[in-house]
Every structure is written in structure tokens, then in C-alpha cells.
Amino acid sequence: MKKSLYMGTTKIEAGKTAGEITSELVRVGALSINTDYKNGKVNGLRWIMRINGAEVLFDMPVRVDPIVKLIGNREQSERVAWRQLLRWVQAQNAMIETGMVQAVEVYLPYMVVHSTGQTLFQRMQESQFKALPTPKEPQ
């Protein structure tokens, strides 16, 4: 039995969905947004948001390859990946707007923290999460 994929049948083009995500980010405080392209196709968003008075850069890619492995069709995978990302952003923004979380709290992994353009997540992953405290052994 084939497993169903969330947003798997979407017909909405990736560029249109990227525009919808842009609107979502502006709603929660993005000051400037750039759309990244690779081989003529949208593949990520970068935006600036004011955090504690400082303008901070965020970089959110869309990862299409895992979906291509599931369904095999690159064009459909791009539509699905962007649509899934939109739904995630909408859910995060709903929590931001109700005061349950702050924007920086949910978008923190995408904050650019290094001159190479690496995000916080990428830097931590590269260091094998060594910045995190070592778990204590149970007594």
C-alpha cells in the first residue's frame, strides 16, 4: 500500500507558494525578503527581521531531494516541498500571533550566524551539537 504524502497532490507552483510564504513572514515582522534561485527555480528564502533592536538575517531553504526520493517526480516534489513549508510557516505564525512564542523562537535555526552564511542549525550540526550540554548519566 502506497503511503500518502501531505500536500502530495498539490498543483500550485513553487514560485506562487514562495510568494505566500513571503506574505506570512512580512506579517510577523520581516523587513526585507530575498528569494533564492538555482537553475532558474526558487530554492529558498532569506529575510531580515528586527530582534532586540538589531536587524538579523535568516536563511530558510526548501529541501526537495527527500521528497524526490519518495515520489520520483522532481517538478511535483518542488510543489509539495514548498507547500509543506508554507503550512509549517503558517502554523508557526499562528503561535506567534497568539503570543505563545516569539518569532525568533521558532525561526532561530534559520538565523545566519557566520560570515560563511551558515545558519545556527548548520553551525551546530557541523560541530556535532557540541554547544549543547552533555547529558548526565542516570544515578
C-alpha atoms as a PDB file:
ATOM      1  CA  MET A   1       0.000   0.000   0.000  1.00  0.00           C
ATOM      2  CA  LYS A   2       1.442   3.377  -1.030  1.00  0.00           C
ATOM      3  CA  LYS A   3       1.833   5.870   1.790  1.00  0.00           C
ATOM      4  CA  SER A   4       0.024   9.181   1.270  1.00  0.00           C
ATOM      5  CA  LEU A   5       2.153  12.330   1.311  1.00  0.00           C
ATOM      6  CA  TYR A   6       0.939  15.525   2.985  1.00  0.00           C
ATOM      7  CA  MET A   7       0.156  18.043   0.227  1.00  0.00           C
ATOM      8  CA  GLY A   8       1.196  15.331  -2.231  1.00  0.00           C
ATOM      9  CA  THR A   9      -1.357  16.229  -4.904  1.00  0.00           C
ATOM     10  CA  THR A  10      -0.853  19.995  -4.957  1.00  0.00           C
ATOM     11  CA  LYS A  11      -0.835  21.661  -8.358  1.00  0.00           C
ATOM     12  CA  ILE A  12       0.307  25.056  -7.011  1.00  0.00           C
ATOM     13  CA  GLU A  13       3.632  26.162  -8.458  1.00  0.00           C
ATOM     14  CA  ALA A  14       6.595  26.596  -6.116  1.00  0.00           C
ATOM     15  CA  GLY A  15       7.037  30.271  -7.018  1.00  0.00           C
ATOM     16  CA  LYS A  16       3.451  31.088  -6.062  1.00  0.00           C
ATOM     17  CA  THR A  17       3.851  29.282  -2.747  1.00  0.00           C
ATOM     18  CA  ALA A  18       7.150  31.103  -2.079  1.00  0.00           C
ATOM     19  CA  GLY A  19       5.189  34.344  -2.544  1.00  0.00           C
ATOM     20  CA  GLU A  20       2.623  33.187   0.023  1.00  0.00           C
ATOM     21  CA  ILE A  21       5.412  32.378   2.489  1.00  0.00           C
ATOM     22  CA  THR A  22       6.843  35.851   1.871  1.00  0.00           C
ATOM     23  CA  SER A  23       3.495  37.373   2.866  1.00  0.00           C
ATOM     24  CA  GLU A  24       3.439  35.222   6.010  1.00  0.00           C
ATOM     25  CA  LEU A  25       6.924  36.356   7.016  1.00  0.00           C
ATOM     26  CA  VAL A  26       6.062  40.017   6.463  1.00  0.00           C
ATOM     27  CA  ARG A  27       3.008  39.581   8.706  1.00  0.00           C
ATOM     28  CA  VAL A  28       5.257  38.594  11.625  1.00  0.00           C
ATOM     29  CA  GLY A  29       7.895  41.262  11.140  1.00  0.00           C
ATOM     30  CA  ALA A  30      10.179  40.526   8.188  1.00  0.00           C
ATOM     31  CA  LEU A  31      11.632  43.835   6.993  1.00  0.00           C
ATOM     32  CA  SER A  32      13.205  42.609   3.765  1.00  0.00           C
ATOM     33  CA  ILE A  33      12.924  39.308   1.879  1.00  0.00           C
ATOM     34  CA  ASN A  34      15.037  37.846  -0.931  1.00  0.00           C
ATOM     35  CA  THR A  35      14.108  34.812  -2.981  1.00  0.00           C
ATOM     36  CA  ASP A  36      16.982  32.473  -3.858  1.00  0.00           C
ATOM     37  CA  TYR A  37      17.070  30.607  -7.162  1.00  0.00           C
ATOM     38  CA  LYS A  38      19.076  27.687  -8.505  1.00  0.00           C
ATOM     39  CA  ASN A  39      18.923  26.725 -12.173  1.00  0.00           C
ATOM     40  CA  GLY A  40      16.037  29.156 -12.643  1.00  0.00           C
ATOM     41  CA  LYS A  41      13.915  27.600  -9.875  1.00  0.00           C
ATOM     42  CA  VAL A  42      13.088  29.033  -6.488  1.00  0.00           C
ATOM     43  CA  ASN A  43      15.004  27.150  -3.791  1.00  0.00           C
ATOM     44  CA  GLY A  44      14.971  29.258  -0.630  1.00  0.00           C
ATOM     45  CA  LEU A  45      14.148  32.480   1.129  1.00  0.00           C
ATOM     46  CA  ARG A  46      16.331  34.907   3.065  1.00  0.00           C
ATOM     47  CA  TRP A  47      14.859  37.623   5.203  1.00  0.00           C
ATOM     48  CA  ILE A  48      15.781  40.253   7.745  1.00  0.00           C
ATOM     49  CA  MET A  49      13.840  40.626  10.974  1.00  0.00           C
ATOM     50  CA  ARG A  50      14.481  43.025  13.839  1.00  0.00           C
ATOM     51  CA  ILE A  51      15.406  41.163  17.032  1.00  0.00           C
ATOM     52  CA  ASN A  52      16.079  43.229  20.179  1.00  0.00           C
ATOM     53  CA  GLY A  53      16.750  46.272  18.018  1.00  0.00           C
ATOM     54  CA  ALA A  54      19.219  44.529  15.684  1.00  0.00           C
ATOM     55  CA  GLU A  55      18.494  43.535  12.110  1.00  0.00           C
ATOM     56  CA  VAL A  56      19.117  39.787  11.869  1.00  0.00           C
ATOM     57  CA  LEU A  57      19.388  37.697   8.696  1.00  0.00           C
ATOM     58  CA  PHE A  58      17.552  34.375   8.374  1.00  0.00           C
ATOM     59  CA  ASP A  59      18.015  31.797   5.607  1.00  0.00           C
ATOM     60  CA  MET A  60      15.330  29.146   5.032  1.00  0.00           C
ATOM     61  CA  PRO A  61      15.984  26.598   2.285  1.00  0.00           C
ATOM     62  CA  VAL A  62      13.475  24.192   0.873  1.00  0.00           C
ATOM     63  CA  ARG A  63      14.724  20.623   0.770  1.00  0.00           C
ATOM     64  CA  VAL A  64      13.225  18.923  -2.265  1.00  0.00           C
ATOM     65  CA  ASP A  65      15.505  15.885  -2.588  1.00  0.00           C
ATOM     66  CA  PRO A  66      13.910  13.848   0.248  1.00  0.00           C
ATOM     67  CA  ILE A  67      10.537  14.202  -1.464  1.00  0.00           C
ATOM     68  CA  VAL A  68      12.013  13.289  -4.852  1.00  0.00           C
ATOM     69  CA  LYS A  69      13.189  10.037  -3.226  1.00  0.00           C
ATOM     70  CA  LEU A  70       9.610   9.346  -2.160  1.00  0.00           C
ATOM     71  CA  ILE A  71       7.701  10.198  -5.326  1.00  0.00           C
ATOM     72  CA  GLY A  72      10.342  10.310  -8.065  1.00  0.00           C
ATOM     73  CA  ASN A  73       8.988  13.366  -9.894  1.00  0.00           C
ATOM     74  CA  ARG A  74      11.168  16.446  -9.319  1.00  0.00           C
ATOM     75  CA  GLU A  75       8.631  19.012 -10.512  1.00  0.00           C
ATOM     76  CA  GLN A  76       5.868  17.649  -8.273  1.00  0.00           C
ATOM     77  CA  SER A  77       8.343  17.299  -5.410  1.00  0.00           C
ATOM     78  CA  GLU A  78       9.176  21.008  -5.664  1.00  0.00           C
ATOM     79  CA  ARG A  79       5.481  21.905  -5.453  1.00  0.00           C
ATOM     80  CA  VAL A  80       4.965  19.574  -2.463  1.00  0.00           C
ATOM     81  CA  ALA A  81       8.074  20.759  -0.576  1.00  0.00           C
ATOM     82  CA  TRP A  82       7.115  24.416  -0.899  1.00  0.00           C
ATOM     83  CA  ARG A  83       3.504  23.733   0.061  1.00  0.00           C
ATOM     84  CA  GLN A  84       4.579  21.796   3.145  1.00  0.00           C
ATOM     85  CA  LEU A  85       6.924  24.637   4.100  1.00  0.00           C
ATOM     86  CA  LEU A  86       4.068  27.125   3.733  1.00  0.00           C
ATOM     87  CA  ARG A  87       1.853  25.094   6.091  1.00  0.00           C
ATOM     88  CA  TRP A  88       4.690  24.917   8.636  1.00  0.00           C
ATOM     89  CA  VAL A  89       5.245  28.693   8.450  1.00  0.00           C
ATOM     90  CA  GLN A  90       1.509  29.322   8.831  1.00  0.00           C
ATOM     91  CA  ALA A  91       1.389  27.121  11.938  1.00  0.00           C
ATOM     92  CA  GLN A  92       4.403  28.906  13.447  1.00  0.00           C
ATOM     93  CA  ASN A  93       2.893  32.292  12.684  1.00  0.00           C
ATOM     94  CA  ALA A  94      -0.389  31.321  14.326  1.00  0.00           C
ATOM     95  CA  MET A  95       1.526  30.662  17.545  1.00  0.00           C
ATOM     96  CA  ILE A  96       3.478  33.930  17.159  1.00  0.00           C
ATOM     97  CA  GLU A  97       0.283  35.926  16.674  1.00  0.00           C
ATOM     98  CA  THR A  98      -1.358  34.447  19.785  1.00  0.00           C
ATOM     99  CA  GLY A  99       1.721  35.216  21.884  1.00  0.00           C
ATOM    100  CA  MET A 100       2.506  31.550  22.524  1.00  0.00           C
ATOM    101  CA  VAL A 101       6.007  32.027  21.073  1.00  0.00           C
ATOM    102  CA  GLN A 102       8.223  34.785  19.730  1.00  0.00           C
ATOM    103  CA  ALA A 103       9.212  34.874  16.053  1.00  0.00           C
ATOM    104  CA  VAL A 104      12.883  34.406  16.896  1.00  0.00           C
ATOM    105  CA  GLU A 105      11.966  31.352  18.971  1.00  0.00           C
ATOM    106  CA  VAL A 106      10.633  29.389  16.009  1.00  0.00           C
ATOM    107  CA  TYR A 107      12.854  30.776  13.269  1.00  0.00           C
ATOM    108  CA  LEU A 108      16.093  30.610  15.322  1.00  0.00           C
ATOM    109  CA  PRO A 109      17.524  27.550  13.496  1.00  0.00           C
ATOM    110  CA  TYR A 110      17.470  29.621  10.282  1.00  0.00           C
ATOM    111  CA  MET A 111      19.320  32.625  11.781  1.00  0.00           C
ATOM    112  CA  VAL A 112      22.572  33.285   9.901  1.00  0.00           C
ATOM    113  CA  VAL A 113      25.354  33.259  12.493  1.00  0.00           C
ATOM    114  CA  HIS A 114      28.553  33.077  10.496  1.00  0.00           C
ATOM    115  CA  SER A 115      30.260  35.055   7.754  1.00  0.00           C
ATOM    116  CA  THR A 116      30.047  31.960   5.534  1.00  0.00           C
ATOM    117  CA  GLY A 117      26.264  32.319   5.549  1.00  0.00           C
ATOM    118  CA  GLN A 118      25.720  29.288   7.748  1.00  0.00           C
ATOM    119  CA  THR A 119      22.608  29.134   9.841  1.00  0.00           C
ATOM    120  CA  LEU A 120      22.623  28.367  13.552  1.00  0.00           C
ATOM    121  CA  PHE A 121      21.417  24.860  12.780  1.00  0.00           C
ATOM    122  CA  GLN A 122      24.172  24.283  10.215  1.00  0.00           C
ATOM    123  CA  ARG A 123      26.866  25.527  12.622  1.00  0.00           C
ATOM    124  CA  MET A 124      25.598  23.337  15.441  1.00  0.00           C
ATOM    125  CA  GLN A 125      25.291  20.329  13.147  1.00  0.00           C
ATOM    126  CA  GLU A 126      28.840  20.899  11.872  1.00  0.00           C
ATOM    127  CA  SER A 127      30.132  20.898  15.467  1.00  0.00           C
ATOM    128  CA  GLN A 128      28.048  17.799  16.200  1.00  0.00           C
ATOM    129  CA  PHE A 129      25.973  19.919  18.598  1.00  0.00           C
ATOM    130  CA  LYS A 130      28.932  20.358  20.970  1.00  0.00           C
ATOM    131  CA  ALA A 131      27.475  23.675  22.169  1.00  0.00           C
ATOM    132  CA  LEU A 132      24.781  21.681  23.928  1.00  0.00           C
ATOM    133  CA  PRO A 133      25.436  20.448  27.459  1.00  0.00           C
ATOM    134  CA  THR A 134      26.461  16.831  27.810  1.00  0.00           C
ATOM    135  CA  PRO A 135      23.648  14.679  29.177  1.00  0.00           C
ATOM    136  CA  LYS A 136      24.269  13.487  32.708  1.00  0.00           C
ATOM    137  CA  GLU A 137      24.429   9.791  33.426  1.00  0.00           C
ATOM    138  CA  PRO A 138      21.497   8.489  35.477  1.00  0.00           C
ATOM    139  CA  GLN A 139      22.481   7.925  39.109  1.00  0.00           C
END
